[in-house]
Protein backbone atom coordinates (compact mmCIF):
# COMPACT_ATOMS: atom_id res chain seq x y z
CA UNK A 1 -21.49 14.38 22.46
CA UNK A 2 -23.98 17.21 22.22
CA UNK A 3 -25.59 18.02 18.84
CA UNK A 4 -23.31 21.05 18.59
CA UNK A 5 -20.23 18.97 19.35
CA UNK A 6 -21.20 16.50 16.61
CA UNK A 7 -21.44 19.37 14.14
CA UNK A 8 -18.00 20.63 15.13
CA UNK A 9 -16.55 17.13 14.80
CA UNK A 10 -18.02 16.89 11.30
CA UNK A 11 -16.52 20.28 10.43
CA UNK A 12 -13.09 19.15 11.65
CA UNK A 13 -13.28 16.01 9.50
CA UNK A 14 -14.56 17.93 6.48
CA UNK A 15 -11.58 20.25 6.79
CA UNK A 16 -9.24 17.28 6.54
CA UNK A 17 -11.23 15.68 3.71
CA UNK A 18 -11.19 18.87 1.64
CA UNK A 19 -7.45 19.30 2.17
CA UNK A 20 -6.81 15.68 1.20
CA UNK A 21 -8.95 16.11 -1.91
CA UNK A 22 -6.86 19.08 -3.04
CA UNK A 23 -3.52 17.46 -2.18
CA UNK A 24 -4.18 13.84 -3.17
CA UNK A 25 -4.32 12.63 0.42
CA UNK A 26 -6.19 9.83 2.15
CA UNK A 27 -9.82 8.92 1.44
CA UNK A 28 -12.67 10.26 3.56
CA UNK A 29 -13.31 6.91 5.27
CA UNK A 30 -9.68 6.70 6.34
CA UNK A 31 -9.61 10.26 7.68
CA UNK A 32 -12.83 9.78 9.65
CA UNK A 33 -11.45 6.60 11.22
CA UNK A 34 -8.22 8.37 12.15
CA UNK A 35 -10.14 11.26 13.69
CA UNK A 36 -12.12 9.03 16.03
CA UNK A 37 -9.16 6.79 16.87
CA UNK A 38 -7.84 9.63 19.05
CA UNK A 39 -11.24 10.48 20.53
CA UNK A 40 -12.23 7.46 22.55
CA UNK A 41 -14.87 9.43 24.42
CA UNK A 42 -17.09 9.39 21.33
CA UNK A 43 -19.52 6.49 21.52
CA UNK A 44 -20.77 4.39 18.62
CA UNK A 45 -23.93 6.50 18.23
CA UNK A 46 -21.86 9.67 18.10
CA UNK A 47 -19.50 8.22 15.52
CA UNK A 48 -22.35 7.00 13.36
CA UNK A 49 -24.18 10.35 13.57
CA UNK A 50 -21.06 12.35 12.72
CA UNK A 51 -20.18 10.06 9.84
CA UNK A 52 -23.69 10.31 8.40
CA UNK A 53 -23.61 14.09 8.67
CA UNK A 54 -20.23 14.27 6.96
CA UNK A 55 -21.45 12.28 3.97
CA UNK A 56 -24.68 14.26 3.75
CA UNK A 57 -22.57 17.40 3.46
CA UNK A 58 -20.21 15.87 0.88
CA UNK A 59 -23.13 14.72 -1.27
CA UNK A 60 -24.63 18.21 -1.10
CA UNK A 61 -21.49 20.20 -1.96
CA UNK A 62 -20.37 19.36 -5.50
CA UNK A 63 -17.15 21.36 -5.60
CA UNK A 64 -14.28 21.09 -3.13
CA UNK A 65 -15.03 23.70 -0.43
CA UNK A 66 -12.58 26.23 0.93
CA UNK A 67 -13.07 24.81 4.43
CA UNK A 68 -15.10 22.29 6.36
CA UNK A 69 -16.98 25.12 8.03
CA UNK A 70 -17.94 26.62 4.64
CA UNK A 71 -19.16 23.18 3.53
CA UNK A 72 -21.27 22.74 6.67
CA UNK A 73 -22.82 26.20 6.43
CA UNK A 74 -23.59 25.71 2.74
CA UNK A 75 -25.22 22.34 3.41
CA UNK A 76 -27.19 23.57 6.43
CA UNK A 77 -28.40 26.69 4.64
CA UNK A 78 -29.78 24.63 1.75
CA UNK A 79 -30.98 21.48 3.49
CA UNK A 80 -30.92 21.62 7.30
CA UNK A 81 -31.27 25.18 8.65
CA UNK A 82 -31.82 23.92 12.22
CA UNK A 83 -28.12 22.99 12.33
CA UNK A 84 -27.23 26.67 12.15
CA UNK A 85 -29.00 27.22 15.47
CA UNK A 86 -26.28 25.14 17.16
CA UNK A 87 -23.50 27.50 16.13
CA UNK A 88 -22.19 29.45 19.11
CA UNK A 89 -24.32 27.63 21.72
CA UNK A 90 -21.37 26.20 23.65
CA UNK A 91 -18.03 27.99 23.64
CA UNK A 92 -16.00 24.86 24.31
CA UNK A 93 -17.61 22.32 21.95
CA UNK A 94 -19.88 23.97 19.41
CA UNK A 95 -18.90 25.75 16.18
CA UNK A 96 -18.23 29.43 16.83
CA UNK A 97 -21.10 31.82 16.23
CA UNK A 98 -21.89 32.73 12.65
CA UNK A 99 -20.34 35.88 11.25
CA UNK A 100 -22.45 38.38 9.36
CA UNK A 101 -20.76 37.62 6.02
CA UNK A 102 -19.93 33.98 6.64
CA UNK A 103 -18.31 32.01 3.81
CA UNK A 104 -20.67 29.27 2.60
CA UNK A 105 -20.04 26.62 -0.07
CA UNK A 106 -22.60 26.36 -2.84
CA UNK A 107 -24.89 23.36 -2.87
CA UNK A 108 -24.55 21.57 -6.24
CA UNK A 109 -24.41 18.14 -7.84
CA UNK A 110 -20.87 18.47 -9.21
CA UNK A 111 -18.48 21.05 -10.67
CA UNK A 112 -19.94 22.64 -13.80
CA UNK A 113 -17.04 21.52 -16.02
CA UNK A 114 -17.77 17.94 -14.99
CA UNK A 115 -21.54 18.26 -15.39
CA UNK A 116 -21.00 19.51 -18.94
CA UNK A 117 -19.14 16.29 -19.78
CA UNK A 118 -21.83 14.17 -18.16
CA UNK A 119 -24.42 15.98 -20.26
CA UNK A 120 -22.62 14.60 -23.30
CA UNK A 121 -23.61 11.17 -21.99
CA UNK A 122 -27.06 11.76 -20.52
CA UNK A 123 -28.47 14.90 -22.14
CA UNK A 124 -31.66 16.09 -20.49
CA UNK A 125 -31.63 13.24 -17.97
CA UNK A 126 -28.31 14.38 -16.46
CA UNK A 127 -29.84 15.72 -13.19
CA UNK A 128 -31.64 12.42 -12.48
CA UNK A 129 -28.56 10.38 -13.36
CA UNK A 130 -26.24 12.45 -11.18
CA UNK A 131 -28.65 12.50 -8.24
CA UNK A 132 -28.76 8.69 -8.41
CA UNK A 133 -24.95 8.69 -8.36
CA UNK A 134 -25.09 10.52 -5.04
CA UNK A 135 -27.51 8.18 -3.28
CA UNK A 136 -26.27 5.60 -0.82
CA UNK A 137 -25.18 2.38 -2.46
CA UNK A 138 -26.53 -1.02 -1.46
CA UNK A 139 -24.23 -3.88 -0.47
CA UNK A 140 -23.93 -6.47 -3.23
CA UNK A 141 -22.33 -9.91 -3.04
CA UNK A 142 -21.10 -12.32 -5.70
CA UNK A 143 -21.64 -16.02 -5.09
CA UNK A 144 -18.53 -18.11 -5.72
CA UNK A 145 -19.87 -20.73 -8.14
CA UNK A 146 -16.68 -22.76 -7.72
CA UNK A 147 -17.99 -23.75 -4.28
CA UNK A 148 -21.74 -23.24 -4.16
CA UNK A 149 -24.78 -21.88 -6.00
CA UNK A 150 -26.79 -18.71 -5.76
CA UNK A 151 -29.89 -20.69 -4.82
CA UNK A 152 -28.02 -22.26 -1.92
CA UNK A 153 -26.88 -18.85 -0.67
CA UNK A 154 -30.37 -17.40 -1.04
CA UNK A 155 -31.60 -20.15 1.26
CA UNK A 156 -28.71 -19.83 3.72
CA UNK A 157 -28.13 -16.09 4.10
CA UNK A 158 -30.84 -14.07 5.79
CA UNK A 159 -31.88 -10.76 4.28
CA UNK A 160 -30.58 -11.16 0.72
CA UNK A 161 -32.28 -11.33 -2.66
CA UNK A 162 -31.09 -12.07 -6.18
CA UNK A 163 -29.58 -9.12 -8.04
CA UNK A 164 -31.67 -7.93 -10.95
CA UNK A 165 -29.09 -8.57 -13.67
CA UNK A 166 -25.92 -10.28 -12.43
CA UNK A 167 -26.13 -14.05 -12.74
CA UNK A 168 -24.37 -14.78 -9.44
CA UNK A 169 -25.26 -11.60 -7.57
CA UNK A 170 -27.01 -11.09 -4.25
CA UNK A 171 -28.20 -7.82 -2.75
CA UNK A 172 -28.50 -7.33 0.98
CA UNK A 173 -31.56 -5.63 2.39
CA UNK A 174 -29.81 -4.03 5.37
CA UNK A 175 -26.59 -3.91 7.34
CA UNK A 176 -24.52 -7.09 7.16
CA UNK A 177 -21.20 -7.86 8.83
CA UNK A 178 -19.87 -9.63 5.78
CA UNK A 179 -16.33 -10.36 6.94
CA UNK A 180 -17.58 -12.21 10.04
CA UNK A 181 -20.21 -14.21 8.16
CA UNK A 182 -19.48 -17.96 7.84
CA UNK A 183 -20.29 -17.90 4.11
CA UNK A 184 -17.61 -15.25 3.57
CA UNK A 185 -14.99 -17.01 5.69
CA UNK A 186 -15.69 -20.25 3.81
CA UNK A 187 -15.12 -18.54 0.46
CA UNK A 188 -18.72 -18.87 -0.69
CA UNK A 189 -19.34 -15.15 -1.23
CA UNK A 190 -17.36 -12.01 -2.06
CA UNK A 191 -18.31 -8.35 -1.84
CA UNK A 192 -18.72 -7.02 -5.39
CA UNK A 193 -21.12 -4.45 -6.81
CA UNK A 194 -23.56 -5.75 -9.41
CA UNK A 195 -22.16 -3.42 -12.06
CA UNK A 196 -18.66 -4.79 -11.52
CA UNK A 197 -20.04 -8.31 -11.79
CA UNK A 198 -21.69 -7.45 -15.11
CA UNK A 199 -18.44 -6.18 -16.59
CA UNK A 200 -16.67 -9.38 -15.54
CA UNK A 201 -19.42 -11.44 -17.14
CA UNK A 202 -18.99 -9.42 -20.35
CA UNK A 203 -15.53 -10.96 -20.65
CA UNK A 204 -17.12 -14.41 -21.17
CA UNK A 205 -13.92 -16.05 -19.92
CA UNK A 206 -13.74 -19.70 -20.99
CA UNK A 207 -12.32 -22.74 -19.17
CA UNK A 208 -8.88 -23.82 -20.30
CA UNK A 209 -7.88 -20.49 -21.85
CA UNK A 210 -5.15 -17.98 -21.00
CA UNK A 211 -6.48 -14.77 -19.45
CA UNK A 212 -4.65 -11.61 -18.37
CA UNK A 213 -6.23 -9.26 -15.82
CA UNK A 214 -3.94 -6.31 -16.48
CA UNK A 215 -5.10 -3.97 -13.69
CA UNK A 216 -6.19 -6.56 -11.16
CA UNK A 217 -6.03 -4.48 -7.99
CA UNK A 218 -7.26 -6.56 -5.07
CA UNK A 219 -8.75 -9.05 -7.50
CA UNK A 220 -12.53 -8.75 -7.45
CA UNK A 221 -12.77 -9.37 -11.19
CA UNK A 222 -9.90 -11.88 -11.07
CA UNK A 223 -11.96 -14.11 -8.80
CA UNK A 224 -15.02 -13.71 -11.03
CA UNK A 225 -12.96 -14.64 -14.09
CA UNK A 226 -11.59 -17.73 -12.32
CA UNK A 227 -15.13 -18.86 -11.57
CA UNK A 228 -16.19 -18.47 -15.21
CA UNK A 229 -13.06 -20.41 -16.22
CA UNK A 230 -14.14 -23.24 -13.89
CA UNK A 231 -10.71 -22.94 -12.25
CA UNK A 232 -8.98 -24.35 -15.33
CA UNK A 233 -6.52 -22.67 -17.67
CA UNK A 234 -4.09 -19.87 -16.87
CA UNK A 235 -5.09 -16.59 -15.20
CA UNK A 236 -2.43 -13.90 -14.75
CA UNK A 237 -3.34 -11.04 -12.39
CA UNK A 238 -1.02 -8.04 -12.60
CA UNK A 239 -0.82 -4.66 -10.91
CA UNK A 240 1.73 -2.03 -9.94
CA UNK A 241 0.49 -1.91 -6.32
CA UNK A 242 2.13 -4.56 -4.12
CA UNK A 243 -0.38 -4.07 -1.28
CA UNK A 244 -3.33 -4.82 -3.55
CA UNK A 245 -1.73 -7.94 -4.96
CA UNK A 246 -0.95 -9.13 -1.44
CA UNK A 247 -4.64 -8.81 -0.57
CA UNK A 248 -5.46 -10.82 -3.68
CA UNK A 249 -3.37 -13.72 -2.35
CA UNK A 250 -5.63 -14.01 0.69
CA UNK A 251 -8.80 -13.77 -1.39
CA UNK A 252 -7.61 -16.40 -3.87
CA UNK A 253 -6.87 -18.85 -1.07
CA UNK A 254 -10.24 -18.29 0.59
CA UNK A 255 -12.13 -18.72 -2.70
CA UNK A 256 -10.31 -21.93 -3.61
CA UNK A 257 -8.91 -20.45 -6.83
CA UNK A 258 -5.83 -22.36 -7.96
CA UNK A 259 -5.17 -20.93 -11.46
CA UNK A 260 -4.39 -17.31 -10.54
CA UNK A 261 -0.78 -16.14 -10.92
CA UNK A 262 0.16 -12.80 -9.37
CA UNK A 263 2.68 -10.61 -11.14
CA UNK A 264 3.87 -7.27 -9.73
CA UNK A 265 4.70 -4.72 -12.45
CA UNK A 266 6.96 -1.70 -12.30
CA UNK A 267 5.11 1.48 -13.30
CA UNK A 268 6.18 2.57 -16.77
CA UNK A 269 7.86 -0.78 -17.44
CA UNK A 270 4.78 -2.99 -17.75
CA UNK A 271 5.41 -3.98 -21.38
CA UNK A 272 8.83 -5.43 -20.60
CA UNK A 273 7.44 -7.46 -17.70
CA UNK A 274 4.74 -8.89 -19.96
CA UNK A 275 7.00 -9.66 -22.92
CA UNK A 276 6.55 -13.42 -22.45
CA UNK A 277 2.81 -12.99 -23.05
CA UNK A 278 3.11 -11.00 -26.28
CA UNK A 279 0.59 -12.26 -28.83
CA UNK A 280 -0.28 -15.30 -26.76
CA UNK A 281 -3.28 -14.42 -24.56
CA UNK A 282 -6.86 -15.41 -25.35
CA UNK A 283 -8.47 -12.68 -23.27
CA UNK A 284 -7.05 -9.46 -21.82
CA UNK A 285 -9.14 -7.47 -19.35
CA UNK A 286 -8.14 -3.84 -18.80
CA UNK A 287 -10.04 -2.45 -15.82
CA UNK A 288 -8.28 0.86 -16.23
CA UNK A 289 -7.62 3.60 -13.67
CA UNK A 290 -10.26 6.27 -14.23
CA UNK A 291 -12.14 9.22 -12.78
CA UNK A 292 -14.47 6.93 -10.80
CA UNK A 293 -17.52 9.00 -11.73
CA UNK A 294 -19.58 5.81 -11.74
CA UNK A 295 -18.78 5.11 -8.08
CA UNK A 296 -19.75 8.42 -6.48
CA UNK A 297 -22.35 6.57 -4.39
CA UNK A 298 -19.44 5.01 -2.48
CA UNK A 299 -16.92 7.83 -2.82
CA UNK A 300 -18.81 11.13 -3.16
CA UNK A 301 -15.69 13.14 -2.28
CA UNK A 302 -14.22 11.96 -5.61
CA UNK A 303 -16.05 14.97 -7.11
CA UNK A 304 -13.80 17.15 -4.98
CA UNK A 305 -10.65 15.42 -6.19
CA UNK A 306 -11.19 15.42 -9.93
CA UNK A 307 -9.82 18.30 -12.02
CA UNK A 308 -9.54 18.71 -15.79
CA UNK A 309 -5.79 18.21 -15.47
CA UNK A 310 -6.15 14.98 -13.51
CA UNK A 311 -8.70 13.71 -16.00
CA UNK A 312 -6.28 14.38 -18.84
CA UNK A 313 -3.62 12.35 -17.05
CA UNK A 314 -6.04 9.47 -16.54
CA UNK A 315 -7.05 9.49 -20.20
CA UNK A 316 -3.39 9.34 -21.23
CA UNK A 317 -2.81 6.41 -18.87
CA UNK A 318 -5.83 4.56 -20.27
CA UNK A 319 -4.45 4.94 -23.79
CA UNK A 320 -1.10 3.59 -22.67
CA UNK A 321 -2.66 0.57 -20.98
CA UNK A 322 -4.80 -0.19 -24.03
CA UNK A 323 -1.65 -0.36 -26.13
CA UNK A 324 0.12 -2.58 -23.58
CA UNK A 325 -2.83 -4.94 -23.24
CA UNK A 326 -3.45 -5.15 -26.98
CA UNK A 327 0.10 -6.35 -27.58
CA UNK A 328 -0.61 -9.43 -25.47
CA UNK A 329 -3.74 -10.55 -27.36
CA UNK A 330 -3.33 -13.44 -29.80
CA UNK A 331 -4.95 -13.38 -33.26
CA UNK A 332 -8.61 -14.19 -32.76
CA UNK A 333 -8.32 -13.19 -29.10
CA UNK A 334 -10.33 -10.65 -27.16
CA UNK A 335 -9.61 -7.35 -25.43
CA UNK A 336 -12.16 -6.09 -22.87
CA UNK A 337 -11.87 -2.48 -21.73
CA UNK A 338 -13.66 -1.38 -18.55
CA UNK A 339 -13.83 1.88 -16.60
CA UNK A 340 -16.02 2.74 -13.61
CA UNK A 341 -16.58 6.09 -15.32
CA UNK A 342 -19.56 7.58 -17.08
CA UNK A 343 -17.58 10.19 -19.00
CA UNK A 344 -17.53 9.52 -22.77
CA UNK A 345 -13.93 10.78 -22.79
CA UNK A 346 -12.92 7.67 -20.86
CA UNK A 347 -15.29 5.30 -22.67
CA UNK A 348 -16.37 5.53 -26.30
CA UNK A 349 -13.72 8.11 -27.14
CA UNK A 350 -10.96 5.77 -25.99
CA UNK A 351 -12.27 2.88 -28.08
CA UNK A 352 -12.73 5.10 -31.14
CA UNK A 353 -9.16 6.36 -30.83
CA UNK A 354 -7.74 2.87 -30.34
CA UNK A 355 -9.48 1.52 -33.45
CA UNK A 356 -8.34 4.51 -35.51
CA UNK A 357 -4.73 4.00 -34.42
CA UNK A 358 -4.54 0.22 -34.66
CA UNK A 359 -5.28 -1.89 -37.72
CA UNK A 360 -6.40 -5.48 -37.32
CA UNK A 361 -9.00 -4.88 -34.64
CA UNK A 362 -12.78 -4.70 -34.71
CA UNK A 363 -15.61 -4.35 -32.19
CA UNK A 364 -16.89 -7.68 -30.90
CA UNK A 365 -20.45 -8.42 -29.86
CA UNK A 366 -21.28 -9.69 -26.40
CA UNK A 367 -24.39 -10.18 -24.31
CA UNK A 368 -25.10 -8.16 -21.20
CA UNK A 369 -28.18 -8.76 -19.11
CA UNK A 370 -29.19 -5.09 -19.17
CA UNK A 371 -29.71 -5.15 -22.95
CA UNK A 372 -31.99 -7.51 -24.91
CA UNK A 373 -29.70 -7.49 -27.96
CA UNK A 374 -25.98 -8.18 -28.45
CA UNK A 375 -23.82 -5.06 -28.13
CA UNK A 376 -20.18 -4.10 -28.68
CA UNK A 377 -20.15 -1.68 -25.75
CA UNK A 378 -22.48 -0.95 -22.85
CA UNK A 379 -23.08 1.58 -20.10
CA UNK A 380 -24.75 0.77 -16.78
CA UNK A 381 -25.81 3.42 -14.27
CA UNK A 382 -27.41 3.63 -10.82
CA UNK A 383 -30.43 5.51 -12.20
CA UNK A 384 -31.25 2.96 -14.89
CA UNK A 385 -29.87 -0.27 -13.49
CA UNK A 386 -29.45 0.21 -9.73
CA UNK A 387 -25.72 -0.54 -9.73
CA UNK A 388 -22.49 1.44 -9.91
CA UNK A 389 -21.77 3.15 -13.22
CA UNK A 390 -19.50 1.38 -15.72
CA UNK A 391 -18.52 1.49 -19.37
CA UNK A 392 -17.43 -1.79 -20.98
CA UNK A 393 -16.35 -2.53 -24.56
CA UNK A 394 -15.15 -5.68 -26.25
CA UNK A 395 -12.69 -5.88 -29.20
CA UNK A 396 -11.36 -8.77 -31.27
CA UNK A 397 -7.93 -9.05 -32.85
CA UNK A 398 -8.21 -10.24 -36.42
């Protein structure tokens, strides 16, 4: 592909990504893969170059653009003016020539309404924090301590180092084909960001106890909890997505976890399906659906998807899940609330509301490696801690 053809391919993909963002369609990665699946003539270098350009544009344009072409022109005008020289150079493969009053998307970090909410968290450091959220994320691994040790994996796996904070974490120094690596196939390592590992460690799951992972998804935190439980006790992993729970079955088998029970829930009917656990669980983890503002490094187009209305729906769902999870906690038991969001609306505000609406609960201290003192809630960010952004809080039922 010529440079101009690569630009046009990126524009075509950006068109689809912007449309999907507005309509709740597929993720950018999926759309890019679909695009190239019907264009076999594009070699690996072309695909890599187009993909990199697409994500550079997405990171540069904070608000969902009117078109892929407007996004490309806005990015090029602000950051790569040489790209504009390729417009109109080849009638059959390049972008058409620029019009005199061409529509161009504004280069920005994020929509202003969203930046204003992040300022409530970060104040004057908001620009640095948001820029860090838009950098490329490293690849982190969690060592499965049921089968090996971090020291053993440091010695065995080339190009990794110990994560700064996570007890069992490794960080790769470059590209790594994880799923074909013997350590992965033998269940010795899992892909998991350091921030996610820290929130699982905040649960302090104990061997022999009963633990409920209410929003388990594909089970990254479920596997971490099982390791902390030394594979003893009872671990119930629930979700409303059958596909995710099916993927968890494969991961559990590979990791050698024997205590995990999968339970598929019907949306809106979760409480009835968990009635047998009411008041009987030692630890409930709620890794709630959220805006994902803490994971923009991996999903920068999430800025294009989020609207005030969607955020309101997510906040309502978080409140509902807190009530469902709390009902399962036994007296003296623990509720851990986690979101991969850096918006106070989804973090501290949710905990404050829950405590105001529910008697018999109080904040519970825990240790997190990013803080020298015990805390009852914590925030980790890419700018300060080098990992995805998370909020985590811990509550005890009296």
